[in-house]
Amino acid sequence: MHRKFNLRRLLARYETLADDPATDPQATPPTPPAGDGHADDDKGTLGANGLKALEAERAANKASKKRIAELQAKLKEYEDANKTEAEKTAERLATLEKDNAASRSRAERLEVALDKGLPKALAARLQGSTREELEADADELLKLVGEQKPVSPKPDPSQGHGGAGAKPTSMEAAIAAALGAK
């Protein structure tokens, strides 16, 4: 923050110097430049000291404009760095809030499904934004599906002890038992 303020203040100072017609000899040129950028008339009207001062002023103006460009580039770089960091933080926050809302919604649906006796697979099909809406939807879904009771497998009488009668000891006896022949 401090660095950004200092950069802006320096930039404003240099822009003021560059835009000031009293310090900017190019803002009101005495004569159009010819050849090397200096008119021969400048030598006669300004004299040696005036010409020397004009050259120094032009060099200072060129240096200040270069410095302004450097400061503008630094300021833009600094602002972009802060902007991208702020954007990253805002994006991350939005993603976390979205994930949090989705997790809460899923947990609420699972809780209502568990309370109502719905299978876990049907919990995702519940619709509503409040618990009351989810419970009402679960009741309607239960009417359509019917109350789910745990289904236990039917026992296989041929397994374990107490099977149905004596087991055949040979292949012929098994075929005869299967065909109902005695």
Protein backbone atom coordinates (compact mmCIF):
# COMPACT_ATOMS: atom_id res chain seq x y z
CA MET A 1 0.00 0.00 0.00
CA HIS A 2 2.79 2.39 0.95
CA ARG A 3 4.78 1.53 -2.15
CA LYS A 4 1.77 2.01 -4.38
CA PHE A 5 1.08 5.44 -2.87
CA ASN A 6 4.71 6.52 -3.34
CA LEU A 7 4.69 5.35 -6.97
CA ARG A 8 1.52 7.31 -7.66
CA ARG A 9 2.91 10.43 -5.99
CA LEU A 10 6.17 10.26 -7.97
CA LEU A 11 4.26 9.63 -11.18
CA ALA A 12 2.02 12.63 -10.55
CA ARG A 13 5.05 14.83 -9.84
CA TYR A 14 6.81 13.78 -13.05
CA GLU A 15 3.65 14.21 -15.12
CA THR A 16 3.23 17.70 -13.69
CA LEU A 17 6.79 18.58 -14.64
CA ALA A 18 6.41 17.10 -18.12
CA ASP A 19 3.10 18.88 -18.78
CA ASP A 20 4.19 22.28 -17.42
CA PRO A 21 4.83 24.63 -20.39
CA ALA A 22 7.35 26.64 -18.35
CA THR A 23 9.59 23.59 -17.89
CA ASP A 24 8.75 21.91 -21.21
CA PRO A 25 10.60 23.60 -24.04
CA GLN A 26 8.96 21.30 -26.57
CA ALA A 27 5.52 22.57 -25.60
CA THR A 28 6.37 25.98 -27.12
CA PRO A 29 9.21 25.41 -29.57
CA PRO A 30 11.05 28.58 -30.45
CA THR A 31 11.63 27.47 -34.05
CA PRO A 32 11.00 24.28 -35.98
CA PRO A 33 13.89 21.84 -35.66
CA ALA A 34 16.09 21.29 -38.68
CA GLY A 35 18.75 18.67 -39.31
CA ASP A 36 20.03 17.65 -35.85
CA GLY A 37 16.99 19.06 -34.07
CA HIS A 38 18.47 22.51 -33.32
CA ALA A 39 17.95 25.59 -35.41
CA ASP A 40 20.84 27.79 -36.29
CA ASP A 41 18.78 30.76 -35.11
CA ASP A 42 18.88 29.40 -31.54
CA LYS A 43 22.62 30.01 -31.42
CA GLY A 44 22.26 33.63 -32.34
CA THR A 45 19.28 34.58 -30.15
CA LEU A 46 20.04 32.48 -27.08
CA GLY A 47 23.75 32.80 -26.93
CA ALA A 48 26.13 30.16 -25.65
CA ASN A 49 24.71 29.99 -22.13
CA GLY A 50 21.10 29.96 -23.34
CA LEU A 51 21.83 27.19 -25.78
CA LYS A 52 23.58 25.21 -23.07
CA ALA A 53 20.58 25.67 -20.74
CA LEU A 54 18.17 24.66 -23.51
CA GLU A 55 20.16 21.47 -24.19
CA ALA A 56 20.20 20.67 -20.46
CA GLU A 57 16.46 21.28 -20.23
CA ARG A 58 15.76 19.03 -23.20
CA ALA A 59 17.92 16.26 -21.71
CA ALA A 60 16.14 16.62 -18.36
CA ASN A 61 12.75 16.50 -20.09
CA LYS A 62 13.75 13.37 -22.00
CA ALA A 63 14.98 11.71 -18.78
CA SER A 64 11.80 12.66 -16.91
CA LYS A 65 9.59 11.24 -19.67
CA LYS A 66 11.61 8.02 -19.57
CA ARG A 67 11.22 7.93 -15.77
CA ILE A 68 7.47 8.51 -16.13
CA ALA A 69 7.18 5.53 -18.49
CA GLU A 70 9.15 3.36 -16.05
CA LEU A 71 6.97 4.44 -13.11
CA GLN A 72 3.79 3.85 -15.08
CA ALA A 73 4.99 0.35 -15.96
CA LYS A 74 5.86 -0.38 -12.31
CA LEU A 75 2.51 0.95 -11.12
CA LYS A 76 0.62 -1.15 -13.67
CA GLU A 77 2.64 -4.23 -12.73
CA TYR A 78 1.96 -3.65 -9.04
CA GLU A 79 -1.76 -3.09 -9.58
CA ASP A 80 -2.01 -6.17 -11.81
CA ALA A 81 -0.21 -8.28 -9.21
CA ASN A 82 -2.62 -7.15 -6.51
CA LYS A 83 -5.60 -7.48 -8.80
CA THR A 84 -4.81 -11.02 -9.79
CA GLU A 85 -4.22 -11.98 -6.15
CA ALA A 86 -7.55 -10.43 -5.18
CA GLU A 87 -9.26 -12.17 -8.08
CA LYS A 88 -7.70 -15.49 -7.07
CA THR A 89 -8.92 -15.03 -3.52
CA ALA A 90 -12.41 -14.06 -4.66
CA GLU A 91 -12.58 -17.05 -7.01
CA ARG A 92 -11.39 -19.43 -4.29
CA LEU A 93 -13.94 -18.01 -1.85
CA ALA A 94 -16.76 -18.42 -4.37
CA THR A 95 -15.73 -22.03 -5.04
CA LEU A 96 -15.60 -22.84 -1.34
CA GLU A 97 -19.02 -21.27 -0.73
CA LYS A 98 -20.50 -23.26 -3.63
CA ASP A 99 -18.98 -26.51 -2.32
CA ASN A 100 -20.22 -25.75 1.18
CA ALA A 101 -23.78 -25.18 -0.06
CA ALA A 102 -23.70 -28.42 -2.09
CA SER A 103 -22.41 -30.40 0.91
CA ARG A 104 -25.10 -28.98 3.18
CA SER A 105 -27.80 -29.80 0.65
CA ARG A 106 -26.53 -33.37 0.23
CA ALA A 107 -26.32 -33.90 3.99
CA GLU A 108 -29.88 -32.57 4.43
CA ARG A 109 -31.21 -34.92 1.72
CA LEU A 110 -29.46 -37.93 3.25
CA GLU A 111 -30.75 -37.05 6.70
CA VAL A 112 -34.36 -36.74 5.48
CA ALA A 113 -34.07 -39.99 3.51
CA LEU A 114 -32.74 -41.79 6.58
CA ASP A 115 -35.53 -40.38 8.78
CA LYS A 116 -38.21 -41.38 6.28
CA GLY A 117 -36.80 -44.85 5.57
CA LEU A 118 -35.83 -44.21 1.94
CA PRO A 119 -32.87 -46.06 0.46
CA LYS A 120 -29.67 -44.09 0.03
CA ALA A 121 -29.99 -44.33 -3.78
CA LEU A 122 -33.28 -42.41 -3.69
CA ALA A 123 -31.97 -39.67 -1.39
CA ALA A 124 -30.37 -37.85 -4.31
CA ARG A 125 -33.77 -37.65 -6.04
CA LEU A 126 -35.36 -35.62 -3.28
CA GLN A 127 -36.32 -32.09 -4.37
CA GLY A 128 -36.66 -28.98 -2.23
CA SER A 129 -34.69 -26.19 -0.64
CA THR A 130 -35.98 -26.48 2.94
CA ARG A 131 -36.26 -29.45 5.24
CA GLU A 132 -40.08 -29.31 5.10
CA GLU A 133 -40.06 -29.45 1.28
CA LEU A 134 -37.63 -32.37 1.35
CA GLU A 135 -39.81 -34.26 3.86
CA ALA A 136 -42.94 -33.67 1.76
CA ASP A 137 -41.13 -34.92 -1.35
CA ALA A 138 -39.87 -37.96 0.57
CA ASP A 139 -43.45 -38.78 1.64
CA GLU A 140 -44.64 -38.60 -2.00
CA LEU A 141 -41.74 -40.75 -3.14
CA LEU A 142 -42.54 -43.33 -0.46
CA LYS A 143 -46.12 -43.53 -1.75
CA LEU A 144 -44.85 -44.27 -5.25
CA VAL A 145 -42.13 -46.71 -4.28
CA GLY A 146 -43.77 -48.23 -1.25
CA GLU A 147 -42.12 -48.62 2.09
CA GLN A 148 -38.87 -50.46 1.71
CA LYS A 149 -38.39 -53.46 3.99
CA PRO A 150 -35.12 -55.28 4.18
CA VAL A 151 -35.24 -58.37 2.00
CA SER A 152 -33.51 -61.42 3.42
CA PRO A 153 -32.49 -64.21 1.07
CA LYS A 154 -34.53 -67.41 1.07
CA PRO A 155 -32.69 -70.31 2.66
CA ASP A 156 -31.34 -73.07 0.43
CA PRO A 157 -32.53 -76.39 1.92
CA SER A 158 -29.79 -78.35 0.20
CA GLN A 159 -27.10 -76.57 2.17
CA GLY A 160 -26.15 -77.42 5.71
CA HIS A 161 -27.85 -79.96 7.98
CA GLY A 162 -31.44 -80.96 7.72
CA GLY A 163 -31.71 -81.06 3.97
CA ALA A 164 -34.69 -82.59 2.27
CA GLY A 165 -34.25 -86.35 2.67
CA ALA A 166 -31.32 -88.53 1.76
CA LYS A 167 -29.00 -87.47 -0.99
CA PRO A 168 -28.33 -89.77 -3.90
CA THR A 169 -25.01 -91.57 -3.78
CA SER A 170 -24.58 -92.28 -7.49
CA MET A 171 -25.27 -90.59 -10.78
CA GLU A 172 -28.04 -93.03 -11.69
CA ALA A 173 -29.78 -92.42 -8.36
CA ALA A 174 -29.61 -88.64 -8.90
CA ILE A 175 -31.10 -88.90 -12.40
CA ALA A 176 -33.80 -91.21 -11.17
CA ALA A 177 -34.64 -88.82 -8.30
CA ALA A 178 -34.78 -85.89 -10.70
CA LEU A 179 -37.12 -87.73 -13.09
CA GLY A 180 -39.30 -88.89 -10.29
CA ALA A 181 -38.54 -92.54 -10.88
CA LYS A 182 -38.20 -94.76 -7.89
